Amino acid sequence: MKVIKRNGTEVVFDIEKIVAAITKANGSVGEEARMTPLQIRRIAEFVELGCLKMNRSPSVEEIQDLSLIHISEPTRPEPIS
């Protein structure tokens, strides 16, 4: 799958970039609101799935929107104990 960058070029989708961005943002919230690494990974996987369902190259902005939707959902993935 390809992603359309802000400058219009296409690059290969890299789930690790999504994980890194969410992890960075996660560090800026209070400890009680922080997600676990597993939750972050699952959110990145949901974002990847959402992009695949588009059947086209999503833009970076669309990926960002999907990430925010999944992060803010009250039912975000819980870690398996």
PDB file of N, CA and C in Angstrom:
ATOM      1  N   MET A   1       0.854  -1.172   0.000  1.00  0.00           N
ATOM      2  CA  MET A   1       0.000   0.000   0.000  1.00  0.00           C
ATOM      3  C   MET A   1       0.899   1.233   0.000  1.00  0.00           C
ATOM      4  N   LYS A   2       0.462   2.248  -0.695  1.00  0.00           N
ATOM      5  CA  LYS A   2       1.180   3.519  -0.760  1.00  0.00           C
ATOM      6  C   LYS A   2       0.426   4.576   0.050  1.00  0.00           C
ATOM      7  N   VAL A   3       1.168   5.615   0.442  1.00  0.00           N
ATOM      8  CA  VAL A   3       0.624   6.753   1.181  1.00  0.00           C
ATOM      9  C   VAL A   3       1.013   8.012   0.430  1.00  0.00           C
ATOM     10  N   ILE A   4       0.088   8.960   0.359  1.00  0.00           N
ATOM     11  CA  ILE A   4       0.379  10.234  -0.290  1.00  0.00           C
ATOM     12  C   ILE A   4       0.846  11.223   0.776  1.00  0.00           C
ATOM     13  N   LYS A   5       2.104  11.633   0.637  1.00  0.00           N
ATOM     14  CA  LYS A   5       2.676  12.582   1.589  1.00  0.00           C
ATOM     15  C   LYS A   5       2.128  13.986   1.345  1.00  0.00           C
ATOM     16  N   ARG A   6       2.408  14.889   2.250  1.00  0.00           N
ATOM     17  CA  ARG A   6       1.902  16.261   2.135  1.00  0.00           C
ATOM     18  C   ARG A   6       2.406  16.966   0.878  1.00  0.00           C
ATOM     19  N   ASN A   7       3.602  16.586   0.404  1.00  0.00           N
ATOM     20  CA  ASN A   7       4.136  17.216  -0.802  1.00  0.00           C
ATOM     21  C   ASN A   7       3.641  16.551  -2.087  1.00  0.00           C
ATOM     22  N   GLY A   8       2.752  15.537  -1.952  1.00  0.00           N
ATOM     23  CA  GLY A   8       2.153  14.890  -3.103  1.00  0.00           C
ATOM     24  C   GLY A   8       2.851  13.629  -3.571  1.00  0.00           C
ATOM     25  N   THR A   9       4.019  13.340  -3.034  1.00  0.00           N
ATOM     26  CA  THR A   9       4.719  12.123  -3.443  1.00  0.00           C
ATOM     27  C   THR A   9       4.113  10.915  -2.735  1.00  0.00           C
ATOM     28  N   GLU A  10       4.298   9.749  -3.350  1.00  0.00           N
ATOM     29  CA  GLU A  10       3.805   8.507  -2.764  1.00  0.00           C
ATOM     30  C   GLU A  10       4.969   7.709  -2.185  1.00  0.00           C
ATOM     31  N   VAL A  11       4.748   7.166  -1.010  1.00  0.00           N
ATOM     32  CA  VAL A  11       5.738   6.306  -0.354  1.00  0.00           C
ATOM     33  C   VAL A  11       5.016   5.055   0.142  1.00  0.00           C
ATOM     34  N   VAL A  12       5.771   4.025   0.445  1.00  0.00           N
ATOM     35  CA  VAL A  12       5.203   2.787   0.966  1.00  0.00           C
ATOM     36  C   VAL A  12       4.746   3.012   2.406  1.00  0.00           C
ATOM     37  N   PHE A  13       3.559   2.511   2.732  1.00  0.00           N
ATOM     38  CA  PHE A  13       3.020   2.598   4.087  1.00  0.00           C
ATOM     39  C   PHE A  13       3.958   1.888   5.045  1.00  0.00           C
ATOM     40  N   ASP A  14       4.226   2.513   6.174  1.00  0.00           N
ATOM     41  CA  ASP A  14       5.108   1.942   7.198  1.00  0.00           C
ATOM     42  C   ASP A  14       4.400   2.030   8.540  1.00  0.00           C
ATOM     43  N   ILE A  15       3.908   0.907   9.022  1.00  0.00           N
ATOM     44  CA  ILE A  15       3.163   0.896  10.287  1.00  0.00           C
ATOM     45  C   ILE A  15       4.025   1.384  11.445  1.00  0.00           C
ATOM     46  N   GLU A  16       5.331   1.206  11.350  1.00  0.00           N
ATOM     47  CA  GLU A  16       6.212   1.643  12.428  1.00  0.00           C
ATOM     48  C   GLU A  16       6.200   3.165  12.582  1.00  0.00           C
ATOM     49  N   LYS A  17       5.944   3.888  11.509  1.00  0.00           N
ATOM     50  CA  LYS A  17       5.830   5.349  11.605  1.00  0.00           C
ATOM     51  C   LYS A  17       4.584   5.735  12.391  1.00  0.00           C
ATOM     52  N   ILE A  18       3.515   4.973  12.223  1.00  0.00           N
ATOM     53  CA  ILE A  18       2.279   5.223  12.974  1.00  0.00           C
ATOM     54  C   ILE A  18       2.528   4.934  14.457  1.00  0.00           C
ATOM     55  N   VAL A  19       3.165   3.799  14.727  1.00  0.00           N
ATOM     56  CA  VAL A  19       3.486   3.432  16.108  1.00  0.00           C
ATOM     57  C   VAL A  19       4.356   4.512  16.750  1.00  0.00           C
ATOM     58  N   ALA A  20       5.360   4.973  16.036  1.00  0.00           N
ATOM     59  CA  ALA A  20       6.268   5.994  16.581  1.00  0.00           C
ATOM     60  C   ALA A  20       5.531   7.300  16.872  1.00  0.00           C
ATOM     61  N   ALA A  21       4.651   7.713  15.966  1.00  0.00           N
ATOM     62  CA  ALA A  21       3.915   8.966  16.170  1.00  0.00           C
ATOM     63  C   ALA A  21       2.976   8.868  17.369  1.00  0.00           C
ATOM     64  N   ILE A  22       2.272   7.742  17.493  1.00  0.00           N
ATOM     65  CA  ILE A  22       1.354   7.575  18.616  1.00  0.00           C
ATOM     66  C   ILE A  22       2.140   7.477  19.927  1.00  0.00           C
ATOM     67  N   THR A  23       3.264   6.781  19.895  1.00  0.00           N
ATOM     68  CA  THR A  23       4.098   6.651  21.085  1.00  0.00           C
ATOM     69  C   THR A  23       4.605   8.015  21.540  1.00  0.00           C
ATOM     70  N   LYS A  24       5.028   8.834  20.598  1.00  0.00           N
ATOM     71  CA  LYS A  24       5.508  10.177  20.931  1.00  0.00           C
ATOM     72  C   LYS A  24       4.392  11.007  21.569  1.00  0.00           C
ATOM     73  N   ALA A  25       3.206  10.979  20.956  1.00  0.00           N
ATOM     74  CA  ALA A  25       2.068  11.718  21.510  1.00  0.00           C
ATOM     75  C   ALA A  25       1.673  11.166  22.876  1.00  0.00           C
ATOM     76  N   ASN A  26       1.758   9.861  23.033  1.00  0.00           N
ATOM     77  CA  ASN A  26       1.405   9.198  24.281  1.00  0.00           C
ATOM     78  C   ASN A  26       2.278   9.687  25.440  1.00  0.00           C
ATOM     79  N   GLY A  27       3.514  10.027  25.145  1.00  0.00           N
ATOM     80  CA  GLY A  27       4.412  10.504  26.172  1.00  0.00           C
ATOM     81  C   GLY A  27       4.085  11.888  26.683  1.00  0.00           C
ATOM     82  N   SER A  28       3.226  12.595  25.966  1.00  0.00           N
ATOM     83  CA  SER A  28       2.905  13.964  26.359  1.00  0.00           C
ATOM     84  C   SER A  28       1.639  14.067  27.214  1.00  0.00           C
ATOM     85  N   VAL A  29       1.006  12.939  27.510  1.00  0.00           N
ATOM     86  CA  VAL A  29      -0.199  12.963  28.353  1.00  0.00           C
ATOM     87  C   VAL A  29       0.137  12.447  29.740  1.00  0.00           C
ATOM     88  N   GLY A  30      -0.733  12.716  30.658  1.00  0.00           N
ATOM     89  CA  GLY A  30      -0.530  12.245  32.023  1.00  0.00           C
ATOM     90  C   GLY A  30      -0.470  10.730  32.091  1.00  0.00           C
ATOM     91  N   GLU A  31       0.249  10.235  33.057  1.00  0.00           N
ATOM     92  CA  GLU A  31       0.468   8.788  33.167  1.00  0.00           C
ATOM     93  C   GLU A  31      -0.838   7.998  33.234  1.00  0.00           C
ATOM     94  N   GLU A  32      -1.844   8.559  33.903  1.00  0.00           N
ATOM     95  CA  GLU A  32      -3.119   7.847  34.039  1.00  0.00           C
ATOM     96  C   GLU A  32      -3.852   7.694  32.714  1.00  0.00           C
ATOM     97  N   ALA A  33      -3.535   8.534  31.734  1.00  0.00           N
ATOM     98  CA  ALA A  33      -4.196   8.472  30.430  1.00  0.00           C
ATOM     99  C   ALA A  33      -3.352   7.760  29.371  1.00  0.00           C
ATOM    100  N   ARG A  34      -2.150   7.356  29.732  1.00  0.00           N
ATOM    101  CA  ARG A  34      -1.250   6.743  28.750  1.00  0.00           C
ATOM    102  C   ARG A  34      -1.720   5.358  28.335  1.00  0.00           C
ATOM    103  N   MET A  35      -1.433   5.049  27.083  1.00  0.00           N
ATOM    104  CA  MET A  35      -1.735   3.737  26.530  1.00  0.00           C
ATOM    105  C   MET A  35      -0.517   2.833  26.686  1.00  0.00           C
ATOM    106  N   THR A  36      -0.772   1.548  26.704  1.00  0.00           N
ATOM    107  CA  THR A  36       0.313   0.576  26.753  1.00  0.00           C
ATOM    108  C   THR A  36       0.880   0.395  25.338  1.00  0.00           C
ATOM    109  N   PRO A  37       2.093  -0.154  25.241  1.00  0.00           N
ATOM    110  CA  PRO A  37       2.629  -0.439  23.903  1.00  0.00           C
ATOM    111  C   PRO A  37       1.715  -1.345  23.071  1.00  0.00           C
ATOM    112  N   LEU A  38       1.046  -2.285  23.726  1.00  0.00           N
ATOM    113  CA  LEU A  38       0.120  -3.162  22.998  1.00  0.00           C
ATOM    114  C   LEU A  38      -1.070  -2.374  22.463  1.00  0.00           C
ATOM    115  N   GLN A  39      -1.620  -1.470  23.260  1.00  0.00           N
ATOM    116  CA  GLN A  39      -2.729  -0.641  22.791  1.00  0.00           C
ATOM    117  C   GLN A  39      -2.287   0.210  21.593  1.00  0.00           C
ATOM    118  N   ILE A  40      -1.100   0.762  21.674  1.00  0.00           N
ATOM    119  CA  ILE A  40      -0.582   1.587  20.575  1.00  0.00           C
ATOM    120  C   ILE A  40      -0.442   0.745  19.319  1.00  0.00           C
ATOM    121  N   ARG A  41       0.101  -0.450  19.437  1.00  0.00           N
ATOM    122  CA  ARG A  41       0.263  -1.348  18.292  1.00  0.00           C
ATOM    123  C   ARG A  41      -1.087  -1.689  17.680  1.00  0.00           C
ATOM    124  N   ARG A  42      -2.062  -1.977  18.518  1.00  0.00           N
ATOM    125  CA  ARG A  42      -3.409  -2.327  18.010  1.00  0.00           C
ATOM    126  C   ARG A  42      -4.044  -1.142  17.287  1.00  0.00           C
ATOM    127  N   ILE A  43      -3.882   0.051  17.814  1.00  0.00           N
ATOM    128  CA  ILE A  43      -4.415   1.235  17.146  1.00  0.00           C
ATOM    129  C   ILE A  43      -3.762   1.388  15.779  1.00  0.00           C
ATOM    130  N   ALA A  44      -2.456   1.210  15.710  1.00  0.00           N
ATOM    131  CA  ALA A  44      -1.750   1.298  14.428  1.00  0.00           C
ATOM    132  C   ALA A  44      -2.277   0.246  13.448  1.00  0.00           C
ATOM    133  N   GLU A  45      -2.575  -0.948  13.946  1.00  0.00           N
ATOM    134  CA  GLU A  45      -3.134  -1.998  13.091  1.00  0.00           C
ATOM    135  C   GLU A  45      -4.531  -1.626  12.602  1.00  0.00           C
ATOM    136  N   PHE A  46      -5.352  -1.022  13.468  1.00  0.00           N
ATOM    137  CA  PHE A  46      -6.677  -0.562  13.050  1.00  0.00           C
ATOM    138  C   PHE A  46      -6.557   0.522  11.979  1.00  0.00           C
ATOM    139  N   VAL A  47      -5.587   1.406  12.140  1.00  0.00           N
ATOM    140  CA  VAL A  47      -5.357   2.459  11.149  1.00  0.00           C
ATOM    141  C   VAL A  47      -4.955   1.831   9.824  1.00  0.00           C
ATOM    142  N   GLU A  48      -4.055   0.866   9.868  1.00  0.00           N
ATOM    143  CA  GLU A  48      -3.621   0.178   8.643  1.00  0.00           C
ATOM    144  C   GLU A  48      -4.812  -0.485   7.955  1.00  0.00           C
ATOM    145  N   LEU A  49      -5.651  -1.165   8.719  1.00  0.00           N
ATOM    146  CA  LEU A  49      -6.832  -1.820   8.164  1.00  0.00           C
ATOM    147  C   LEU A  49      -7.771  -0.793   7.530  1.00  0.00           C
ATOM    148  N   GLY A  50      -7.971   0.330   8.212  1.00  0.00           N
ATOM    149  CA  GLY A  50      -8.826   1.383   7.660  1.00  0.00           C
ATOM    150  C   GLY A  50      -8.292   1.914   6.339  1.00  0.00           C
ATOM    151  N   CYS A  51      -6.976   2.039   6.248  1.00  0.00           N
ATOM    152  CA  CYS A  51      -6.354   2.502   5.007  1.00  0.00           C
ATOM    153  C   CYS A  51      -6.541   1.481   3.897  1.00  0.00           C
ATOM    154  N   LEU A  52      -6.374   0.204   4.222  1.00  0.00           N
ATOM    155  CA  LEU A  52      -6.550  -0.840   3.221  1.00  0.00           C
ATOM    156  C   LEU A  52      -7.981  -0.870   2.688  1.00  0.00           C
ATOM    157  N   LYS A  53      -8.944  -0.604   3.560  1.00  0.00           N
ATOM    158  CA  LYS A  53     -10.351  -0.614   3.150  1.00  0.00           C
ATOM    159  C   LYS A  53     -10.698   0.530   2.203  1.00  0.00           C
ATOM    160  N   MET A  54      -9.837   1.546   2.137  1.00  0.00           N
ATOM    161  CA  MET A  54     -10.082   2.676   1.228  1.00  0.00           C
ATOM    162  C   MET A  54      -9.901   2.277  -0.237  1.00  0.00           C
ATOM    163  N   ASN A  55      -9.148   1.203  -0.474  1.00  0.00           N
ATOM    164  CA  ASN A  55      -8.870   0.741  -1.842  1.00  0.00           C
ATOM    165  C   ASN A  55      -8.202   1.805  -2.697  1.00  0.00           C
ATOM    166  N   ARG A  56      -7.416   2.650  -2.066  1.00  0.00           N
ATOM    167  CA  ARG A  56      -6.648   3.683  -2.760  1.00  0.00           C
ATOM    168  C   ARG A  56      -5.556   4.136  -1.812  1.00  0.00           C
ATOM    169  N   SER A  57      -4.681   4.990  -2.301  1.00  0.00           N
ATOM    170  CA  SER A  57      -3.613   5.513  -1.447  1.00  0.00           C
ATOM    171  C   SER A  57      -4.160   6.618  -0.553  1.00  0.00           C
ATOM    172  N   PRO A  58      -4.159   6.406   0.766  1.00  0.00           N
ATOM    173  CA  PRO A  58      -4.636   7.460   1.663  1.00  0.00           C
ATOM    174  C   PRO A  58      -3.588   8.560   1.804  1.00  0.00           C
ATOM    175  N   SER A  59      -4.046   9.735   2.162  1.00  0.00           N
ATOM    176  CA  SER A  59      -3.124  10.837   2.427  1.00  0.00           C
ATOM    177  C   SER A  59      -2.656  10.757   3.878  1.00  0.00           C
ATOM    178  N   VAL A  60      -1.564  11.434   4.156  1.00  0.00           N
ATOM    179  CA  VAL A  60      -1.059  11.499   5.526  1.00  0.00           C
ATOM    180  C   VAL A  60      -2.125  12.081   6.445  1.00  0.00           C
ATOM    181  N   GLU A  61      -2.867  13.052   5.958  1.00  0.00           N
ATOM    182  CA  GLU A  61      -3.919  13.672   6.772  1.00  0.00           C
ATOM    183  C   GLU A  61      -5.023  12.666   7.107  1.00  0.00           C
ATOM    184  N   GLU A  62      -5.374  11.818   6.149  1.00  0.00           N
ATOM    185  CA  GLU A  62      -6.404  10.805   6.411  1.00  0.00           C
ATOM    186  C   GLU A  62      -5.901   9.796   7.446  1.00  0.00           C
ATOM    187  N   ILE A  63      -4.636   9.441   7.359  1.00  0.00           N
ATOM    188  CA  ILE A  63      -4.059   8.519   8.335  1.00  0.00           C
ATOM    189  C   ILE A  63      -4.061   9.161   9.720  1.00  0.00           C
ATOM    190  N   GLN A  64      -3.725  10.433   9.769  1.00  0.00           N
ATOM    191  CA  GLN A  64      -3.748  11.155  11.039  1.00  0.00           C
ATOM    192  C   GLN A  64      -5.161  11.177  11.617  1.00  0.00           C
ATOM    193  N   ASP A  65      -6.150  11.444  10.772  1.00  0.00           N
ATOM    194  CA  ASP A  65      -7.539  11.448  11.239  1.00  0.00           C
ATOM    195  C   ASP A  65      -7.949  10.084  11.786  1.00  0.00           C
ATOM    196  N   LEU A  66      -7.596   9.006  11.072  1.00  0.00           N
ATOM    197  CA  LEU A  66      -7.923   7.661  11.545  1.00  0.00           C
ATOM    198  C   LEU A  66      -7.256   7.384  12.891  1.00  0.00           C
ATOM    199  N   SER A  67      -6.027   7.809  13.028  1.00  0.00           N
ATOM    200  CA  SER A  67      -5.305   7.605  14.287  1.00  0.00           C
ATOM    201  C   SER A  67      -6.027   8.301  15.434  1.00  0.00           C
ATOM    202  N   LEU A  68      -6.411   9.540  15.218  1.00  0.00           N
ATOM    203  CA  LEU A  68      -7.099  10.305  16.269  1.00  0.00           C
ATOM    204  C   LEU A  68      -8.430   9.686  16.647  1.00  0.00           C
ATOM    205  N   ILE A  69      -9.144   9.180  15.649  1.00  0.00           N
ATOM    206  CA  ILE A  69     -10.431   8.523  15.928  1.00  0.00           C
ATOM    207  C   ILE A  69     -10.217   7.334  16.847  1.00  0.00           C
ATOM    208  N   HIS A  70      -9.240   6.508  16.538  1.00  0.00           N
ATOM    209  CA  HIS A  70      -9.007   5.301  17.341  1.00  0.00           C
ATOM    210  C   HIS A  70      -8.418   5.618  18.709  1.00  0.00           C
ATOM    211  N   ILE A  71      -7.606   6.656  18.794  1.00  0.00           N
ATOM    212  CA  ILE A  71      -7.033   7.036  20.085  1.00  0.00           C
ATOM    213  C   ILE A  71      -8.114   7.570  21.016  1.00  0.00           C
ATOM    214  N   SER A  72      -9.032   8.348  20.472  1.00  0.00           N
ATOM    215  CA  SER A  72     -10.036   8.999  21.313  1.00  0.00           C
ATOM    216  C   SER A  72     -11.247   8.128  21.617  1.00  0.00           C
ATOM    217  N   GLU A  73     -11.351   6.975  20.976  1.00  0.00           N
ATOM    218  CA  GLU A  73     -12.489   6.097  21.245  1.00  0.00           C
ATOM    219  C   GLU A  73     -12.438   5.594  22.681  1.00  0.00           C
ATOM    220  N   PRO A  74     -13.553   5.671  23.372  1.00  0.00           N
ATOM    221  CA  PRO A  74     -13.555   5.161  24.746  1.00  0.00           C
ATOM    222  C   PRO A  74     -13.358   3.647  24.788  1.00  0.00           C
ATOM    223  N   THR A  75     -13.552   2.979  23.664  1.00  0.00           N
ATOM    224  CA  THR A  75     -13.414   1.518  23.611  1.00  0.00           C
ATOM    225  C   THR A  75     -12.098   1.129  22.942  1.00  0.00           C
ATOM    226  N   ARG A  76     -11.073   1.990  23.071  1.00  0.00           N
ATOM    227  CA  ARG A  76      -9.796   1.645  22.452  1.00  0.00           C
ATOM    228  C   ARG A  76      -9.328   0.298  22.976  1.00  0.00           C
ATOM    229  N   PRO A  77      -8.530  -0.397  22.202  1.00  0.00           N
ATOM    230  CA  PRO A  77      -8.147  -1.763  22.572  1.00  0.00           C
ATOM    231  C   PRO A  77      -7.475  -1.837  23.943  1.00  0.00           C
ATOM    232  N   GLU A  78      -7.917  -2.777  24.729  1.00  0.00           N
ATOM    233  CA  GLU A  78      -7.324  -2.988  26.048  1.00  0.00           C
ATOM    234  C   GLU A  78      -6.271  -4.081  25.951  1.00  0.00           C
ATOM    235  N   PRO A  79      -5.230  -3.980  26.732  1.00  0.00           N
ATOM    236  CA  PRO A  79      -4.203  -5.022  26.696  1.00  0.00           C
ATOM    237  C   PRO A  79      -4.738  -6.342  27.224  1.00  0.00           C
ATOM    238  N   ILE A  80      -4.211  -7.411  26.708  1.00  0.00           N
ATOM    239  CA  ILE A  80      -4.582  -8.741  27.177  1.00  0.00           C
ATOM    240  C   ILE A  80      -3.735  -9.059  28.389  1.00  0.00           C
ATOM    241  N   SER A  81      -4.364  -9.452  29.486  1.00  0.00           N
ATOM    242  CA  SER A  81      -3.620  -9.740  30.725  1.00  0.00           C
ATOM    243  C   SER A  81      -3.026 -11.120  30.701  1.00  0.00           C
TER     244      SER A  81
END
